[in-house]
Amino acid sequence: MDEFGKRPARRRVYDGVMKGLVLLGAGLTIALLVALIGYILVRGLPHVTWQLLSTSPSMMKGTIGILPNILNTLYLILFTLLIRSCYKHVGWERARNGLTVASLVGLTYCFRCRLAWARRCI
């Protein structure tokens, strides 16, 4: 094969077979994922109640719940967004190249600004 010519027929067949196998594998993976999620939703969704979502687990009261887990997930997401927005404020290049004194000062200033804004909104 020269740089301006077509690929040989054998290579085109090989490429087609490999592309087909990759697409088949991707299709099977997606189908299994959809089937698994569907199975979990069909079997589990009837058991999700407001009490499960809005209470804390307690052995003393005999209750089950996932409210602390949901809140911790939300806190983690908000904290991650706060850090990411501060990195954007400080400058991603400076933050990516290492935490220098200047980037730490910038992050501290950004946190203070964000927290003061949050206090005013509450």
C-alpha atoms as a PDB file:
ATOM      1  CA  MET A   1       0.000   0.000   0.000  1.00  0.00           C
ATOM      2  CA  ASP A   2       1.392   3.370  -0.929  1.00  0.00           C
ATOM      3  CA  GLU A   3       0.450   6.518   0.919  1.00  0.00           C
ATOM      4  CA  PHE A   4      -2.088   7.631  -1.732  1.00  0.00           C
ATOM      5  CA  GLY A   5      -3.485   4.232  -2.702  1.00  0.00           C
ATOM      6  CA  LYS A   6      -6.245   2.041  -1.337  1.00  0.00           C
ATOM      7  CA  ARG A   7      -5.713  -0.524   1.334  1.00  0.00           C
ATOM      8  CA  PRO A   8      -5.349  -4.115   0.174  1.00  0.00           C
ATOM      9  CA  ALA A   9      -8.543  -6.192   0.083  1.00  0.00           C
ATOM     10  CA  ARG A  10      -7.299  -8.498   2.847  1.00  0.00           C
ATOM     11  CA  ARG A  11      -6.752  -5.541   5.169  1.00  0.00           C
ATOM     12  CA  ARG A  12     -10.213  -4.103   4.384  1.00  0.00           C
ATOM     13  CA  VAL A  13     -11.845  -7.436   5.231  1.00  0.00           C
ATOM     14  CA  TYR A  14      -9.872  -7.673   8.481  1.00  0.00           C
ATOM     15  CA  ASP A  15     -10.850  -4.103   9.432  1.00  0.00           C
ATOM     16  CA  GLY A  16     -14.515  -4.824   8.674  1.00  0.00           C
ATOM     17  CA  VAL A  17     -14.533  -7.993  10.765  1.00  0.00           C
ATOM     18  CA  MET A  18     -12.831  -6.252  13.695  1.00  0.00           C
ATOM     19  CA  LYS A  19     -15.221  -3.296  13.497  1.00  0.00           C
ATOM     20  CA  GLY A  20     -18.150  -5.716  13.493  1.00  0.00           C
ATOM     21  CA  LEU A  21     -16.804  -7.547  16.532  1.00  0.00           C
ATOM     22  CA  VAL A  22     -16.300  -4.287  18.439  1.00  0.00           C
ATOM     23  CA  LEU A  23     -19.836  -3.144  17.592  1.00  0.00           C
ATOM     24  CA  LEU A  24     -21.234  -6.541  18.597  1.00  0.00           C
ATOM     25  CA  GLY A  25     -19.411  -6.382  21.937  1.00  0.00           C
ATOM     26  CA  ALA A  26     -20.625  -2.827  22.556  1.00  0.00           C
ATOM     27  CA  GLY A  27     -24.196  -3.809  21.673  1.00  0.00           C
ATOM     28  CA  LEU A  28     -24.111  -6.802  24.032  1.00  0.00           C
ATOM     29  CA  THR A  29     -22.707  -4.680  26.837  1.00  0.00           C
ATOM     30  CA  ILE A  30     -25.405  -2.033  26.410  1.00  0.00           C
ATOM     31  CA  ALA A  31     -28.133  -4.687  26.201  1.00  0.00           C
ATOM     32  CA  LEU A  32     -26.918  -6.360  29.411  1.00  0.00           C
ATOM     33  CA  LEU A  33     -26.718  -3.006  31.188  1.00  0.00           C
ATOM     34  CA  VAL A  34     -30.271  -2.049  30.156  1.00  0.00           C
ATOM     35  CA  ALA A  35     -31.561  -5.486  31.188  1.00  0.00           C
ATOM     36  CA  LEU A  36     -29.844  -5.280  34.578  1.00  0.00           C
ATOM     37  CA  ILE A  37     -31.120  -1.770  35.300  1.00  0.00           C
ATOM     38  CA  GLY A  38     -34.623  -2.771  34.196  1.00  0.00           C
ATOM     39  CA  TYR A  39     -34.568  -5.861  36.423  1.00  0.00           C
ATOM     40  CA  ILE A  40     -33.435  -3.829  39.421  1.00  0.00           C
ATOM     41  CA  LEU A  41     -36.099  -1.161  38.837  1.00  0.00           C
ATOM     42  CA  VAL A  42     -38.925  -3.676  38.318  1.00  0.00           C
ATOM     43  CA  ARG A  43     -38.003  -5.656  41.424  1.00  0.00           C
ATOM     44  CA  GLY A  44     -36.982  -2.771  43.681  1.00  0.00           C
ATOM     45  CA  LEU A  45     -39.158   0.229  42.827  1.00  0.00           C
ATOM     46  CA  PRO A  46     -42.299  -1.119  44.549  1.00  0.00           C
ATOM     47  CA  HIS A  47     -40.345  -1.313  47.820  1.00  0.00           C
ATOM     48  CA  VAL A  48     -39.185   2.323  47.779  1.00  0.00           C
ATOM     49  CA  THR A  49     -41.360   4.285  50.188  1.00  0.00           C
ATOM     50  CA  TRP A  50     -41.325   7.811  51.543  1.00  0.00           C
ATOM     51  CA  GLN A  51     -40.317   6.411  54.933  1.00  0.00           C
ATOM     52  CA  LEU A  52     -37.260   4.771  53.384  1.00  0.00           C
ATOM     53  CA  LEU A  53     -36.201   8.033  51.730  1.00  0.00           C
ATOM     54  CA  SER A  54     -36.908  10.371  54.645  1.00  0.00           C
ATOM     55  CA  THR A  55     -35.732   8.589  57.795  1.00  0.00           C
ATOM     56  CA  SER A  56     -32.429   7.619  59.337  1.00  0.00           C
ATOM     57  CA  PRO A  57     -31.597   4.030  60.153  1.00  0.00           C
ATOM     58  CA  SER A  58     -31.949   3.255  63.841  1.00  0.00           C
ATOM     59  CA  MET A  59     -31.702  -0.016  65.716  1.00  0.00           C
ATOM     60  CA  MET A  60     -33.401   1.516  68.766  1.00  0.00           C
ATOM     61  CA  LYS A  61     -36.458   2.725  66.837  1.00  0.00           C
ATOM     62  CA  GLY A  62     -36.450  -0.182  64.419  1.00  0.00           C
ATOM     63  CA  THR A  63     -36.441   2.090  61.358  1.00  0.00           C
ATOM     64  CA  ILE A  64     -34.598   1.848  58.106  1.00  0.00           C
ATOM     65  CA  GLY A  65     -33.744   4.785  55.910  1.00  0.00           C
ATOM     66  CA  ILE A  66     -31.248   6.306  53.539  1.00  0.00           C
ATOM     67  CA  LEU A  67     -31.669  10.024  54.242  1.00  0.00           C
ATOM     68  CA  PRO A  68     -28.115  10.443  55.662  1.00  0.00           C
ATOM     69  CA  ASN A  69     -26.686   8.732  52.577  1.00  0.00           C
ATOM     70  CA  ILE A  70     -28.637  11.023  50.247  1.00  0.00           C
ATOM     71  CA  LEU A  71     -27.573  14.130  52.173  1.00  0.00           C
ATOM     72  CA  ASN A  72     -23.924  13.070  52.263  1.00  0.00           C
ATOM     73  CA  THR A  73     -24.003  12.529  48.508  1.00  0.00           C
ATOM     74  CA  LEU A  74     -25.462  16.008  47.985  1.00  0.00           C
ATOM     75  CA  TYR A  75     -22.849  17.546  50.311  1.00  0.00           C
ATOM     76  CA  LEU A  76     -20.074  15.802  48.406  1.00  0.00           C
ATOM     77  CA  ILE A  77     -21.405  17.043  45.063  1.00  0.00           C
ATOM     78  CA  LEU A  78     -21.754  20.617  46.336  1.00  0.00           C
ATOM     79  CA  PHE A  79     -18.275  20.592  47.873  1.00  0.00           C
ATOM     80  CA  THR A  80     -16.797  19.242  44.642  1.00  0.00           C
ATOM     81  CA  LEU A  81     -18.531  21.978  42.659  1.00  0.00           C
ATOM     82  CA  LEU A  82     -17.229  24.566  45.103  1.00  0.00           C
ATOM     83  CA  ILE A  83     -13.657  23.326  44.739  1.00  0.00           C
ATOM     84  CA  ARG A  84     -13.952  23.168  40.948  1.00  0.00           C
ATOM     85  CA  SER A  85     -15.342  26.688  40.722  1.00  0.00           C
ATOM     86  CA  CYS A  86     -12.515  27.937  42.936  1.00  0.00           C
ATOM     87  CA  TYR A  87      -9.926  26.219  40.767  1.00  0.00           C
ATOM     88  CA  LYS A  88     -11.466  27.993  37.819  1.00  0.00           C
ATOM     89  CA  HIS A  89     -11.269  31.254  39.770  1.00  0.00           C
ATOM     90  CA  VAL A  90      -7.625  30.732  40.735  1.00  0.00           C
ATOM     91  CA  GLY A  91      -6.563  29.484  37.346  1.00  0.00           C
ATOM     92  CA  TRP A  92      -6.524  25.845  36.340  1.00  0.00           C
ATOM     93  CA  GLU A  93      -2.984  25.974  34.963  1.00  0.00           C
ATOM     94  CA  ARG A  94      -1.561  27.246  38.238  1.00  0.00           C
ATOM     95  CA  ALA A  95      -3.565  24.732  40.291  1.00  0.00           C
ATOM     96  CA  ARG A  96      -2.729  21.818  37.997  1.00  0.00           C
ATOM     97  CA  ASN A  97       1.000  22.512  38.118  1.00  0.00           C
ATOM     98  CA  GLY A  98       1.022  22.133  41.876  1.00  0.00           C
ATOM     99  CA  LEU A  99      -0.303  23.809  44.962  1.00  0.00           C
ATOM    100  CA  THR A 100       1.837  26.866  45.334  1.00  0.00           C
ATOM    101  CA  VAL A 101       1.389  29.531  47.981  1.00  0.00           C
ATOM    102  CA  ALA A 102      -0.321  31.772  45.443  1.00  0.00           C
ATOM    103  CA  SER A 103      -2.848  29.107  44.456  1.00  0.00           C
ATOM    104  CA  LEU A 104      -3.565  28.268  48.115  1.00  0.00           C
ATOM    105  CA  VAL A 105      -4.153  31.941  48.887  1.00  0.00           C
ATOM    106  CA  GLY A 106      -6.430  32.185  45.869  1.00  0.00           C
ATOM    107  CA  LEU A 107      -8.375  29.099  46.943  1.00  0.00           C
ATOM    108  CA  THR A 108      -8.737  30.425  50.488  1.00  0.00           C
ATOM    109  CA  TYR A 109      -9.996  33.762  49.196  1.00  0.00           C
ATOM    110  CA  CYS A 110     -12.423  32.019  46.859  1.00  0.00           C
ATOM    111  CA  PHE A 111     -13.767  29.804  49.677  1.00  0.00           C
ATOM    112  CA  ARG A 112     -14.307  32.852  51.860  1.00  0.00           C
ATOM    113  CA  CYS A 113     -16.168  34.654  49.075  1.00  0.00           C
ATOM    114  CA  ARG A 114     -18.340  31.631  48.340  1.00  0.00           C
ATOM    115  CA  LEU A 115     -19.139  31.070  52.031  1.00  0.00           C
ATOM    116  CA  ALA A 116     -19.999  34.748  52.553  1.00  0.00           C
ATOM    117  CA  TRP A 117     -22.294  34.607  49.542  1.00  0.00           C
ATOM    118  CA  ALA A 118     -23.952  31.440  50.904  1.00  0.00           C
ATOM    119  CA  ARG A 119     -24.521  33.095  54.295  1.00  0.00           C
ATOM    120  CA  ARG A 120     -26.202  36.077  52.649  1.00  0.00           C
ATOM    121  CA  CYS A 121     -28.503  33.793  50.654  1.00  0.00           C
ATOM    122  CA  ILE A 122     -29.658  31.871  53.720  1.00  0.00           C
END
